[in-house]
């Protein structure tokens, strides 16, 4: 949270500097502060969404395991479809976590295994 406040203050400081001096330095500070502020806010939002999806993935895995153990006659196609969707999401997040975009993805994703 403090980073967001610092970046907001930096952006405002750049605006004030630009208005008073009309120098290029203020514009550069505005652009850097503004872009960093957007990146940090995007990270927070994406991180929150990914943590929600991790919980959803774990709940799906638990439900499928319990259904298989209890011998509940769920349609195999429905179980396979849900497993495939969850595993596709996991594979996507694990791939992007290993790239430059990994900063936006919590590392908890790498500790998950696919649903079998």
PDB file of N, CA and C in Angstrom:
ATOM      1  N   UNK A   1       0.825  -1.196   0.000  1.00  0.00           N
ATOM      2  CA  UNK A   1       0.000   0.000   0.000  1.00  0.00           C
ATOM      3  C   UNK A   1       0.861   1.248   0.000  1.00  0.00           C
ATOM      4  N   UNK A   2       1.976   1.176   0.726  1.00  0.00           N
ATOM      5  CA  UNK A   2       2.851   2.342   0.801  1.00  0.00           C
ATOM      6  C   UNK A   2       3.455   2.651  -0.573  1.00  0.00           C
ATOM      7  N   UNK A   3       3.687   1.597  -1.367  1.00  0.00           N
ATOM      8  CA  UNK A   3       4.237   1.803  -2.713  1.00  0.00           C
ATOM      9  C   UNK A   3       3.252   2.589  -3.561  1.00  0.00           C
ATOM     10  N   UNK A   4       1.981   2.269  -3.468  1.00  0.00           N
ATOM     11  CA  UNK A   4       0.952   2.987  -4.232  1.00  0.00           C
ATOM     12  C   UNK A   4       0.923   4.453  -3.818  1.00  0.00           C
ATOM     13  N   UNK A   5       1.012   4.713  -2.532  1.00  0.00           N
ATOM     14  CA  UNK A   5       1.008   6.101  -2.048  1.00  0.00           C
ATOM     15  C   UNK A   5       2.236   6.847  -2.544  1.00  0.00           C
ATOM     16  N   UNK A   6       3.402   6.202  -2.470  1.00  0.00           N
ATOM     17  CA  UNK A   6       4.640   6.849  -2.937  1.00  0.00           C
ATOM     18  C   UNK A   6       4.560   7.157  -4.428  1.00  0.00           C
ATOM     19  N   UNK A   7       4.057   6.211  -5.214  1.00  0.00           N
ATOM     20  CA  UNK A   7       3.948   6.446  -6.659  1.00  0.00           C
ATOM     21  C   UNK A   7       2.920   7.528  -6.979  1.00  0.00           C
ATOM     22  N   UNK A   8       1.843   7.579  -6.222  1.00  0.00           N
ATOM     23  CA  UNK A   8       0.850   8.637  -6.424  1.00  0.00           C
ATOM     24  C   UNK A   8       1.460   9.994  -6.093  1.00  0.00           C
ATOM     25  N   UNK A   9       2.212  10.064  -4.987  1.00  0.00           N
ATOM     26  CA  UNK A   9       2.875  11.318  -4.618  1.00  0.00           C
ATOM     27  C   UNK A   9       3.900  11.703  -5.686  1.00  0.00           C
ATOM     28  N   UNK A  10       4.632  10.715  -6.201  1.00  0.00           N
ATOM     29  CA  UNK A  10       5.610  10.982  -7.259  1.00  0.00           C
ATOM     30  C   UNK A  10       4.938  11.544  -8.501  1.00  0.00           C
ATOM     31  N   UNK A  11       3.801  10.998  -8.867  1.00  0.00           N
ATOM     32  CA  UNK A  11       3.063  11.495 -10.033  1.00  0.00           C
ATOM     33  C   UNK A  11       2.571  12.919  -9.798  1.00  0.00           C
ATOM     34  N   UNK A  12       2.022  13.182  -8.628  1.00  0.00           N
ATOM     35  CA  UNK A  12       1.555  14.538  -8.302  1.00  0.00           C
ATOM     36  C   UNK A  12       2.733  15.510  -8.283  1.00  0.00           C
ATOM     37  N   UNK A  13       3.855  15.088  -7.735  1.00  0.00           N
ATOM     38  CA  UNK A  13       5.053  15.920  -7.706  1.00  0.00           C
ATOM     39  C   UNK A  13       5.512  16.247  -9.123  1.00  0.00           C
ATOM     40  N   UNK A  14       5.441  15.274 -10.003  1.00  0.00           N
ATOM     41  CA  UNK A  14       5.788  15.517 -11.404  1.00  0.00           C
ATOM     42  C   UNK A  14       4.857  16.521 -12.061  1.00  0.00           C
ATOM     43  N   UNK A  15       3.570  16.439 -11.733  1.00  0.00           N
ATOM     44  CA  UNK A  15       2.597  17.397 -12.285  1.00  0.00           C
ATOM     45  C   UNK A  15       2.908  18.803 -11.787  1.00  0.00           C
ATOM     46  N   UNK A  16       3.181  18.931 -10.493  1.00  0.00           N
ATOM     47  CA  UNK A  16       3.509  20.247  -9.933  1.00  0.00           C
ATOM     48  C   UNK A  16       4.774  20.798 -10.566  1.00  0.00           C
ATOM     49  N   UNK A  17       5.797  19.950 -10.702  1.00  0.00           N
ATOM     50  CA  UNK A  17       7.061  20.366 -11.310  1.00  0.00           C
ATOM     51  C   UNK A  17       6.859  20.800 -12.760  1.00  0.00           C
ATOM     52  N   UNK A  18       6.050  20.074 -13.475  1.00  0.00           N
ATOM     53  CA  UNK A  18       5.782  20.394 -14.878  1.00  0.00           C
ATOM     54  C   UNK A  18       5.065  21.742 -14.998  1.00  0.00           C
ATOM     55  N   UNK A  19       4.113  21.999 -14.141  1.00  0.00           N
ATOM     56  CA  UNK A  19       3.362  23.252 -14.209  1.00  0.00           C
ATOM     57  C   UNK A  19       4.219  24.453 -13.830  1.00  0.00           C
ATOM     58  N   UNK A  20       5.096  24.297 -12.848  1.00  0.00           N
ATOM     59  CA  UNK A  20       5.892  25.429 -12.378  1.00  0.00           C
ATOM     60  C   UNK A  20       7.079  25.719 -13.289  1.00  0.00           C
ATOM     61  N   UNK A  21       7.764  24.693 -13.748  1.00  0.00           N
ATOM     62  CA  UNK A  21       8.996  24.919 -14.516  1.00  0.00           C
ATOM     63  C   UNK A  21       8.820  24.724 -16.009  1.00  0.00           C
ATOM     64  N   UNK A  22       7.778  24.024 -16.415  1.00  0.00           N
ATOM     65  CA  UNK A  22       7.542  23.689 -17.815  1.00  0.00           C
ATOM     66  C   UNK A  22       8.767  23.013 -18.428  1.00  0.00           C
ATOM     67  N   UNK A  23       9.427  22.195 -17.633  1.00  0.00           N
ATOM     68  CA  UNK A  23      10.598  21.467 -18.104  1.00  0.00           C
ATOM     69  C   UNK A  23      10.207  20.032 -18.422  1.00  0.00           C
ATOM     70  N   UNK A  24      11.014  19.378 -19.210  1.00  0.00           N
ATOM     71  CA  UNK A  24      10.752  18.001 -19.612  1.00  0.00           C
ATOM     72  C   UNK A  24      10.874  17.036 -18.430  1.00  0.00           C
ATOM     73  N   UNK A  25      11.631  17.415 -17.395  1.00  0.00           N
ATOM     74  CA  UNK A  25      11.816  16.560 -16.225  1.00  0.00           C
ATOM     75  C   UNK A  25      10.514  16.220 -15.531  1.00  0.00           C
ATOM     76  N   UNK A  26       9.622  17.193 -15.438  1.00  0.00           N
ATOM     77  CA  UNK A  26       8.323  16.948 -14.815  1.00  0.00           C
ATOM     78  C   UNK A  26       7.503  15.951 -15.600  1.00  0.00           C
ATOM     79  N   UNK A  27       7.562  16.053 -16.921  1.00  0.00           N
ATOM     80  CA  UNK A  27       6.827  15.133 -17.781  1.00  0.00           C
ATOM     81  C   UNK A  27       7.370  13.711 -17.641  1.00  0.00           C
ATOM     82  N   UNK A  28       8.677  13.587 -17.545  1.00  0.00           N
ATOM     83  CA  UNK A  28       9.287  12.269 -17.374  1.00  0.00           C
ATOM     84  C   UNK A  28       8.876  11.656 -16.035  1.00  0.00           C
ATOM     85  N   UNK A  29       8.869  12.472 -14.983  1.00  0.00           N
ATOM     86  CA  UNK A  29       8.449  11.981 -13.662  1.00  0.00           C
ATOM     87  C   UNK A  29       6.984  11.551 -13.695  1.00  0.00           C
ATOM     88  N   UNK A  30       6.151  12.324 -14.382  1.00  0.00           N
ATOM     89  CA  UNK A  30       4.729  11.974 -14.495  1.00  0.00           C
ATOM     90  C   UNK A  30       4.575  10.634 -15.207  1.00  0.00           C
ATOM     91  N   UNK A  31       5.270  10.453 -16.314  1.00  0.00           N
ATOM     92  CA  UNK A  31       5.157   9.206 -17.073  1.00  0.00           C
ATOM     93  C   UNK A  31       5.670   8.007 -16.280  1.00  0.00           C
ATOM     94  N   UNK A  32       6.835   8.156 -15.665  1.00  0.00           N
ATOM     95  CA  UNK A  32       7.401   7.044 -14.888  1.00  0.00           C
ATOM     96  C   UNK A  32       6.530   6.716 -13.688  1.00  0.00           C
ATOM     97  N   UNK A  33       6.159   7.720 -12.941  1.00  0.00           N
ATOM     98  CA  UNK A  33       5.315   7.497 -11.766  1.00  0.00           C
ATOM     99  C   UNK A  33       3.969   6.917 -12.143  1.00  0.00           C
ATOM    100  N   UNK A  34       3.375   7.455 -13.187  1.00  0.00           N
ATOM    101  CA  UNK A  34       2.062   6.977 -13.628  1.00  0.00           C
ATOM    102  C   UNK A  34       2.105   5.542 -14.124  1.00  0.00           C
ATOM    103  N   UNK A  35       3.111   5.208 -14.924  1.00  0.00           N
ATOM    104  CA  UNK A  35       3.228   3.844 -15.437  1.00  0.00           C
ATOM    105  C   UNK A  35       3.503   2.841 -14.312  1.00  0.00           C
ATOM    106  N   UNK A  36       4.372   3.216 -13.399  1.00  0.00           N
ATOM    107  CA  UNK A  36       4.646   2.329 -12.268  1.00  0.00           C
ATOM    108  C   UNK A  36       3.419   2.159 -11.382  1.00  0.00           C
ATOM    109  N   UNK A  37       2.662   3.236 -11.203  1.00  0.00           N
ATOM    110  CA  UNK A  37       1.442   3.167 -10.407  1.00  0.00           C
ATOM    111  C   UNK A  37       0.433   2.212 -11.050  1.00  0.00           C
ATOM    112  N   UNK A  38       0.270   2.312 -12.360  1.00  0.00           N
ATOM    113  CA  UNK A  38      -0.635   1.413 -13.072  1.00  0.00           C
ATOM    114  C   UNK A  38      -0.163  -0.040 -12.941  1.00  0.00           C
ATOM    115  N   UNK A  39       1.152  -0.270 -13.067  1.00  0.00           N
ATOM    116  CA  UNK A  39       1.695  -1.624 -12.957  1.00  0.00           C
ATOM    117  C   UNK A  39       1.451  -2.214 -11.570  1.00  0.00           C
ATOM    118  N   UNK A  40       1.659  -1.426 -10.536  1.00  0.00           N
ATOM    119  CA  UNK A  40       1.466  -1.919  -9.167  1.00  0.00           C
ATOM    120  C   UNK A  40      -0.010  -2.210  -8.901  1.00  0.00           C
ATOM    121  N   UNK A  41      -0.886  -1.350  -9.354  1.00  0.00           N
ATOM    122  CA  UNK A  41      -2.320  -1.571  -9.156  1.00  0.00           C
ATOM    123  C   UNK A  41      -2.775  -2.803  -9.933  1.00  0.00           C
ATOM    124  N   UNK A  42      -2.244  -2.974 -11.159  1.00  0.00           N
ATOM    125  CA  UNK A  42      -2.584  -4.161 -11.948  1.00  0.00           C
ATOM    126  C   UNK A  42      -2.093  -5.430 -11.251  1.00  0.00           C
ATOM    127  N   UNK A  43      -0.910  -5.377 -10.660  1.00  0.00           N
ATOM    128  CA  UNK A  43      -0.382  -6.537  -9.939  1.00  0.00           C
ATOM    129  C   UNK A  43      -1.281  -6.903  -8.767  1.00  0.00           C
ATOM    130  N   UNK A  44      -1.720  -5.912  -8.026  1.00  0.00           N
ATOM    131  CA  UNK A  44      -2.596  -6.176  -6.889  1.00  0.00           C
ATOM    132  C   UNK A  44      -3.898  -6.844  -7.341  1.00  0.00           C
ATOM    133  N   UNK A  45      -4.494  -6.303  -8.376  1.00  0.00           N
ATOM    134  CA  UNK A  45      -5.742  -6.871  -8.880  1.00  0.00           C
ATOM    135  C   UNK A  45      -5.561  -8.275  -9.421  1.00  0.00           C
ATOM    136  N   UNK A  46      -4.497  -8.490 -10.196  1.00  0.00           N
ATOM    137  CA  UNK A  46      -4.247  -9.800 -10.782  1.00  0.00           C
ATOM    138  C   UNK A  46      -3.898 -10.818  -9.712  1.00  0.00           C
ATOM    139  N   UNK A  47      -3.173 -10.389  -8.702  1.00  0.00           N
ATOM    140  CA  UNK A  47      -2.803 -11.286  -7.606  1.00  0.00           C
ATOM    141  C   UNK A  47      -4.038 -11.733  -6.841  1.00  0.00           C
ATOM    142  N   UNK A  48      -4.940 -10.816  -6.572  1.00  0.00           N
ATOM    143  CA  UNK A  48      -6.181 -11.153  -5.873  1.00  0.00           C
ATOM    144  C   UNK A  48      -7.001 -12.141  -6.692  1.00  0.00           C
ATOM    145  N   UNK A  49      -7.099 -11.912  -7.994  1.00  0.00           N
ATOM    146  CA  UNK A  49      -7.856 -12.798  -8.860  1.00  0.00           C
ATOM    147  C   UNK A  49      -7.228 -14.193  -8.900  1.00  0.00           C
ATOM    148  N   UNK A  50      -5.907 -14.259  -8.975  1.00  0.00           N
ATOM    149  CA  UNK A  50      -5.225 -15.544  -9.045  1.00  0.00           C
ATOM    150  C   UNK A  50      -5.379 -16.328  -7.741  1.00  0.00           C
ATOM    151  N   UNK A  51      -5.322 -15.648  -6.597  1.00  0.00           N
ATOM    152  CA  UNK A  51      -5.544 -16.335  -5.327  1.00  0.00           C
ATOM    153  C   UNK A  51      -6.954 -16.917  -5.262  1.00  0.00           C
ATOM    154  N   UNK A  52      -7.927 -16.212  -5.802  1.00  0.00           N
ATOM    155  CA  UNK A  52      -9.292 -16.738  -5.864  1.00  0.00           C
ATOM    156  C   UNK A  52      -9.382 -17.966  -6.750  1.00  0.00           C
ATOM    157  N   UNK A  53      -8.688 -17.929  -7.878  1.00  0.00           N
ATOM    158  CA  UNK A  53      -8.688 -19.070  -8.796  1.00  0.00           C
ATOM    159  C   UNK A  53      -7.958 -20.270  -8.194  1.00  0.00           C
ATOM    160  N   UNK A  54      -6.909 -20.016  -7.396  1.00  0.00           N
ATOM    161  CA  UNK A  54      -6.203 -21.111  -6.730  1.00  0.00           C
ATOM    162  C   UNK A  54      -7.165 -21.825  -5.772  1.00  0.00           C
ATOM    163  N   UNK A  55      -7.928 -21.058  -5.025  1.00  0.00           N
ATOM    164  CA  UNK A  55      -8.921 -21.655  -4.110  1.00  0.00           C
ATOM    165  C   UNK A  55      -9.963 -22.449  -4.889  1.00  0.00           C
ATOM    166  N   UNK A  56     -10.386 -21.911  -6.011  1.00  0.00           N
ATOM    167  CA  UNK A  56     -11.358 -22.596  -6.853  1.00  0.00           C
ATOM    168  C   UNK A  56     -10.772 -23.907  -7.391  1.00  0.00           C
ATOM    169  N   UNK A  57      -9.508 -23.866  -7.818  1.00  0.00           N
ATOM    170  CA  UNK A  57      -8.835 -25.056  -8.325  1.00  0.00           C
ATOM    171  C   UNK A  57      -8.760 -26.130  -7.244  1.00  0.00           C
ATOM    172  N   UNK A  58      -8.378 -25.744  -6.033  1.00  0.00           N
ATOM    173  CA  UNK A  58      -8.269 -26.698  -4.931  1.00  0.00           C
ATOM    174  C   UNK A  58      -9.633 -27.278  -4.569  1.00  0.00           C
ATOM    175  N   UNK A  59     -10.669 -26.468  -4.603  1.00  0.00           N
ATOM    176  CA  UNK A  59     -12.020 -26.956  -4.313  1.00  0.00           C
ATOM    177  C   UNK A  59     -12.478 -27.939  -5.388  1.00  0.00           C
ATOM    178  N   UNK A  60     -12.175 -27.649  -6.640  1.00  0.00           N
ATOM    179  CA  UNK A  60     -12.527 -28.548  -7.736  1.00  0.00           C
ATOM    180  C   UNK A  60     -11.821 -29.880  -7.563  1.00  0.00           C
ATOM    181  N   UNK A  61     -10.540 -29.829  -7.251  1.00  0.00           N
ATOM    182  CA  UNK A  61      -9.754 -31.045  -7.054  1.00  0.00           C
ATOM    183  C   UNK A  61     -10.323 -31.883  -5.908  1.00  0.00           C
ATOM    184  N   UNK A  62     -10.637 -31.237  -4.813  1.00  0.00           N
ATOM    185  CA  UNK A  62     -11.195 -31.943  -3.648  1.00  0.00           C
ATOM    186  C   UNK A  62     -12.549 -32.571  -3.988  1.00  0.00           C
ATOM    187  N   UNK A  63     -13.396 -31.842  -4.673  1.00  0.00           N
ATOM    188  CA  UNK A  63     -14.719 -32.348  -5.039  1.00  0.00           C
ATOM    189  C   UNK A  63     -14.612 -33.562  -5.947  1.00  0.00           C
ATOM    190  N   UNK A  64     -13.729 -33.495  -6.921  1.00  0.00           N
ATOM    191  CA  UNK A  64     -13.560 -34.620  -7.848  1.00  0.00           C
ATOM    192  C   UNK A  64     -13.003 -35.838  -7.119  1.00  0.00           C
ATOM    193  N   UNK A  65     -12.021 -35.627  -6.243  1.00  0.00           N
ATOM    194  CA  UNK A  65     -11.457 -36.752  -5.477  1.00  0.00           C
ATOM    195  C   UNK A  65     -12.515 -37.411  -4.593  1.00  0.00           C
ATOM    196  N   UNK A  66     -13.320 -36.592  -3.914  1.00  0.00           N
ATOM    197  CA  UNK A  66     -14.356 -37.139  -3.030  1.00  0.00           C
ATOM    198  C   UNK A  66     -15.415 -37.888  -3.827  1.00  0.00           C
ATOM    199  N   UNK A  67     -15.769 -37.368  -4.980  1.00  0.00           N
ATOM    200  CA  UNK A  67     -16.769 -38.037  -5.815  1.00  0.00           C
ATOM    201  C   UNK A  67     -16.244 -39.387  -6.284  1.00  0.00           C
ATOM    202  N   UNK A  68     -14.965 -39.446  -6.627  1.00  0.00           N
ATOM    203  CA  UNK A  68     -14.383 -40.720  -7.060  1.00  0.00           C
ATOM    204  C   UNK A  68     -14.285 -41.705  -5.901  1.00  0.00           C
ATOM    205  N   UNK A  69     -13.904 -41.246  -4.718  1.00  0.00           N
ATOM    206  CA  UNK A  69     -13.758 -42.130  -3.558  1.00  0.00           C
ATOM    207  C   UNK A  69     -15.106 -42.660  -3.083  1.00  0.00           C
ATOM    208  N   UNK A  70     -16.112 -41.824  -3.124  1.00  0.00           N
ATOM    209  CA  UNK A  70     -17.432 -42.224  -2.655  1.00  0.00           C
ATOM    210  C   UNK A  70     -18.215 -43.005  -3.699  1.00  0.00           C
ATOM    211  N   UNK A  71     -17.676 -43.118  -4.894  1.00  0.00           N
ATOM    212  CA  UNK A  71     -18.354 -43.864  -5.940  1.00  0.00           C
ATOM    213  C   UNK A  71     -19.620 -43.199  -6.427  1.00  0.00           C
ATOM    214  N   UNK A  72     -19.697 -41.890  -6.281  1.00  0.00           N
ATOM    215  CA  UNK A  72     -20.874 -41.164  -6.756  1.00  0.00           C
ATOM    216  C   UNK A  72     -20.872 -41.205  -8.274  1.00  0.00           C
ATOM    217  N   UNK A  73     -22.008 -41.563  -8.827  1.00  0.00           N
ATOM    218  CA  UNK A  73     -22.103 -41.687 -10.271  1.00  0.00           C
ATOM    219  C   UNK A  73     -22.319 -40.335 -10.930  1.00  0.00           C
ATOM    220  N   UNK A  74     -21.256 -39.578 -10.977  1.00  0.00           N
ATOM    221  CA  UNK A  74     -21.307 -38.371 -11.773  1.00  0.00           C
ATOM    222  C   UNK A  74     -20.922 -38.781 -13.180  1.00  0.00           C
ATOM    223  N   UNK A  75     -21.429 -38.072 -14.129  1.00  0.00           N
ATOM    224  CA  UNK A  75     -21.068 -38.407 -15.488  1.00  0.00           C
ATOM    225  C   UNK A  75     -19.570 -38.220 -15.679  1.00  0.00           C
ATOM    226  N   UNK A  76     -18.940 -39.211 -16.254  1.00  0.00           N
ATOM    227  CA  UNK A  76     -17.509 -39.131 -16.508  1.00  0.00           C
ATOM    228  C   UNK A  76     -17.154 -37.921 -17.356  1.00  0.00           C
ATOM    229  N   UNK A  77     -18.001 -37.606 -18.298  1.00  0.00           N
ATOM    230  CA  UNK A  77     -17.724 -36.467 -19.174  1.00  0.00           C
ATOM    231  C   UNK A  77     -17.707 -35.160 -18.386  1.00  0.00           C
ATOM    232  N   UNK A  78     -18.600 -35.039 -17.424  1.00  0.00           N
ATOM    233  CA  UNK A  78     -18.652 -33.816 -16.615  1.00  0.00           C
ATOM    234  C   UNK A  78     -17.403 -33.691 -15.763  1.00  0.00           C
ATOM    235  N   UNK A  79     -16.951 -34.805 -15.153  1.00  0.00           N
ATOM    236  CA  UNK A  79     -15.735 -34.776 -14.343  1.00  0.00           C
ATOM    237  C   UNK A  79     -14.526 -34.454 -15.216  1.00  0.00           C
ATOM    238  N   UNK A  80     -14.434 -35.110 -16.359  1.00  0.00           N
ATOM    239  CA  UNK A  80     -13.308 -34.871 -17.259  1.00  0.00           C
ATOM    240  C   UNK A  80     -13.290 -33.433 -17.753  1.00  0.00           C
ATOM    241  N   UNK A  81     -14.453 -32.908 -18.068  1.00  0.00           N
ATOM    242  CA  UNK A  81     -14.532 -31.533 -18.559  1.00  0.00           C
ATOM    243  C   UNK A  81     -14.054 -30.546 -17.493  1.00  0.00           C
ATOM    244  N   UNK A  82     -14.509 -30.724 -16.266  1.00  0.00           N
ATOM    245  CA  UNK A  82     -14.102 -29.836 -15.179  1.00  0.00           C
ATOM    246  C   UNK A  82     -12.613 -29.988 -14.892  1.00  0.00           C
ATOM    247  N   UNK A  83     -12.099 -31.209 -14.928  1.00  0.00           N
ATOM    248  CA  UNK A  83     -10.672 -31.446 -14.715  1.00  0.00           C
ATOM    249  C   UNK A  83      -9.843 -30.785 -15.802  1.00  0.00           C
ATOM    250  N   UNK A  84     -10.284 -30.913 -17.028  1.00  0.00           N
ATOM    251  CA  UNK A  84      -9.552 -30.312 -18.154  1.00  0.00           C
ATOM    252  C   UNK A  84      -9.525 -28.797 -18.018  1.00  0.00           C
ATOM    253  N   UNK A  85     -10.669 -28.189 -17.681  1.00  0.00           N
ATOM    254  CA  UNK A  85     -10.710 -26.731 -17.508  1.00  0.00           C
ATOM    255  C   UNK A  85      -9.749 -26.270 -16.416  1.00  0.00           C
ATOM    256  N   UNK A  86      -9.782 -26.959 -15.282  1.00  0.00           N
ATOM    257  CA  UNK A  86      -8.913 -26.580 -14.166  1.00  0.00           C
ATOM    258  C   UNK A  86      -7.446 -26.779 -14.524  1.00  0.00           C
ATOM    259  N   UNK A  87      -7.115 -27.887 -15.183  1.00  0.00           N
ATOM    260  CA  UNK A  87      -5.726 -28.146 -15.564  1.00  0.00           C
ATOM    261  C   UNK A  87      -5.230 -27.172 -16.632  1.00  0.00           C
ATOM    262  N   UNK A  88      -6.107 -26.760 -17.532  1.00  0.00           N
ATOM    263  CA  UNK A  88      -5.722 -25.756 -18.528  1.00  0.00           C
ATOM    264  C   UNK A  88      -5.395 -24.435 -17.852  1.00  0.00           C
ATOM    265  N   UNK A  89      -6.220 -24.030 -16.902  1.00  0.00           N
ATOM    266  CA  UNK A  89      -5.945 -22.789 -16.174  1.00  0.00           C
ATOM    267  C   UNK A  89      -4.613 -22.892 -15.449  1.00  0.00           C
ATOM    268  N   UNK A  90      -4.373 -24.023 -14.777  1.00  0.00           N
ATOM    269  CA  UNK A  90      -3.131 -24.216 -14.030  1.00  0.00           C
ATOM    270  C   UNK A  90      -1.922 -24.191 -14.958  1.00  0.00           C
ATOM    271  N   UNK A  91      -1.995 -24.882 -16.075  1.00  0.00           N
ATOM    272  CA  UNK A  91      -0.874 -24.902 -17.020  1.00  0.00           C
ATOM    273  C   UNK A  91      -0.589 -23.500 -17.554  1.00  0.00           C
ATOM    274  N   UNK A  92      -1.643 -22.745 -17.831  1.00  0.00           N
ATOM    275  CA  UNK A  92      -1.480 -21.377 -18.318  1.00  0.00           C
ATOM    276  C   UNK A  92      -0.773 -20.511 -17.292  1.00  0.00           C
ATOM    277  N   UNK A  93      -1.222 -20.561 -16.052  1.00  0.00           N
ATOM    278  CA  UNK A  93      -0.617 -19.735 -15.000  1.00  0.00           C
ATOM    279  C   UNK A  93       0.809 -20.163 -14.698  1.00  0.00           C
ATOM    280  N   UNK A  94       1.073 -21.474 -14.692  1.00  0.00           N
ATOM    281  CA  UNK A  94       2.430 -21.933 -14.424  1.00  0.00           C
ATOM    282  C   UNK A  94       3.381 -21.518 -15.538  1.00  0.00           C
ATOM    283  N   UNK A  95       2.903 -21.542 -16.776  1.00  0.00           N
ATOM    284  CA  UNK A  95       3.748 -21.091 -17.888  1.00  0.00           C
ATOM    285  C   UNK A  95       4.083 -19.608 -17.731  1.00  0.00           C
ATOM    286  N   UNK A  96       3.061 -18.779 -17.537  1.00  0.00           N
ATOM    287  CA  UNK A  96       3.303 -17.342 -17.446  1.00  0.00           C
ATOM    288  C   UNK A  96       4.082 -16.962 -16.190  1.00  0.00           C
ATOM    289  N   UNK A  97       4.019 -17.783 -15.148  1.00  0.00           N
ATOM    290  CA  UNK A  97       4.795 -17.516 -13.947  1.00  0.00           C
ATOM    291  C   UNK A  97       6.290 -17.711 -14.201  1.00  0.00           C
ATOM    292  N   UNK A  98       6.631 -18.480 -15.238  1.00  0.00           N
ATOM    293  CA  UNK A  98       8.039 -18.698 -15.569  1.00  0.00           C
ATOM    294  C   UNK A  98       8.559 -17.675 -16.579  1.00  0.00           C
ATOM    295  N   UNK A  99       7.716 -16.757 -17.007  1.00  0.00           N
ATOM    296  CA  UNK A  99       8.139 -15.733 -17.966  1.00  0.00           C
ATOM    297  C   UNK A  99       8.303 -14.395 -17.247  1.00  0.00           C
ATOM    298  N   UNK A 100       8.509 -13.353 -18.028  1.00  0.00           N
ATOM    299  CA  UNK A 100       8.658 -12.006 -17.476  1.00  0.00           C
ATOM    300  C   UNK A 100       7.382 -11.545 -16.761  1.00  0.00           C
ATOM    301  N   UNK A 101       6.261 -12.144 -17.110  1.00  0.00           N
ATOM    302  CA  UNK A 101       4.986 -11.781 -16.492  1.00  0.00           C
ATOM    303  C   UNK A 101       4.782 -12.440 -15.146  1.00  0.00           C
ATOM    304  N   UNK A 102       5.740 -13.241 -14.686  1.00  0.00           N
ATOM    305  CA  UNK A 102       5.642 -13.949 -13.423  1.00  0.00           C
ATOM    306  C   UNK A 102       5.520 -13.044 -12.215  1.00  0.00           C
ATOM    307  N   UNK A 103       5.922 -11.793 -12.350  1.00  0.00           N
ATOM    308  CA  UNK A 103       5.809 -10.832 -11.252  1.00  0.00           C
ATOM    309  C   UNK A 103       4.350 -10.643 -10.837  1.00  0.00           C
ATOM    310  N   UNK A 104       3.454 -10.791 -11.799  1.00  0.00           N
ATOM    311  CA  UNK A 104       2.034 -10.566 -11.528  1.00  0.00           C
ATOM    312  C   UNK A 104       1.337 -11.821 -10.994  1.00  0.00           C
ATOM    313  N   UNK A 105       2.007 -12.962 -11.044  1.00  0.00           N
ATOM    314  CA  UNK A 105       1.373 -14.222 -10.664  1.00  0.00           C
ATOM    315  C   UNK A 105       1.980 -14.735  -9.365  1.00  0.00           C
ATOM    316  N   UNK A 106       1.167 -15.033  -8.359  1.00  0.00           N
ATOM    317  CA  UNK A 106       1.701 -15.546  -7.095  1.00  0.00           C
ATOM    318  C   UNK A 106       2.413 -16.892  -7.301  1.00  0.00           C
ATOM    319  N   UNK A 107       3.476 -17.126  -6.552  1.00  0.00           N
ATOM    320  CA  UNK A 107       4.260 -18.351  -6.694  1.00  0.00           C
ATOM    321  C   UNK A 107       3.539 -19.582  -6.158  1.00  0.00           C
ATOM    322  N   UNK A 108       2.430 -19.395  -5.488  1.00  0.00           N
ATOM    323  CA  UNK A 108       1.633 -20.536  -5.020  1.00  0.00           C
ATOM    324  C   UNK A 108       1.186 -21.424  -6.172  1.00  0.00           C
ATOM    325  N   UNK A 109       1.082 -20.852  -7.353  1.00  0.00           N
ATOM    326  CA  UNK A 109       0.645 -21.584  -8.532  1.00  0.00           C
ATOM    327  C   UNK A 109       1.597 -22.741  -8.834  1.00  0.00           C
ATOM    328  N   UNK A 110       2.890 -22.540  -8.608  1.00  0.00           N
ATOM    329  CA  UNK A 110       3.862 -23.583  -8.916  1.00  0.00           C
ATOM    330  C   UNK A 110       3.785 -24.756  -7.946  1.00  0.00           C
ATOM    331  N   UNK A 111       3.196 -24.572  -6.803  1.00  0.00           N
ATOM    332  CA  UNK A 111       3.084 -25.655  -5.821  1.00  0.00           C
ATOM    333  C   UNK A 111       1.883 -26.561  -6.097  1.00  0.00           C
ATOM    334  N   UNK A 112       1.019 -26.161  -7.014  1.00  0.00           N
ATOM    335  CA  UNK A 112      -0.161 -26.978  -7.344  1.00  0.00           C
ATOM    336  C   UNK A 112       0.203 -28.015  -8.398  1.00  0.00           C
ATOM    337  N   UNK A 113      -0.442 -29.158  -8.320  1.00  0.00           N
ATOM    338  CA  UNK A 113      -0.265 -30.203  -9.337  1.00  0.00           C
ATOM    339  C   UNK A 113      -1.552 -30.380 -10.101  1.00  0.00           C
ATOM    340  N   UNK A 114      -1.467 -30.925 -11.297  1.00  0.00           N
ATOM    341  CA  UNK A 114      -2.682 -31.100 -12.098  1.00  0.00           C
ATOM    342  C   UNK A 114      -3.637 -32.122 -11.477  1.00  0.00           C
ATOM    343  N   UNK A 115      -4.895 -31.981 -11.785  1.00  0.00           N
ATOM    344  CA  UNK A 115      -5.917 -32.931 -11.333  1.00  0.00           C
ATOM    345  C   UNK A 115      -5.798 -34.168 -12.190  1.00  0.00           C
ATOM    346  N   UNK A 116      -5.755 -35.326 -11.549  1.00  0.00           N
ATOM    347  CA  UNK A 116      -5.613 -36.595 -12.301  1.00  0.00           C
ATOM    348  C   UNK A 116      -6.917 -37.323 -12.350  1.00  0.00           C
TER     349      UNK A 116
END
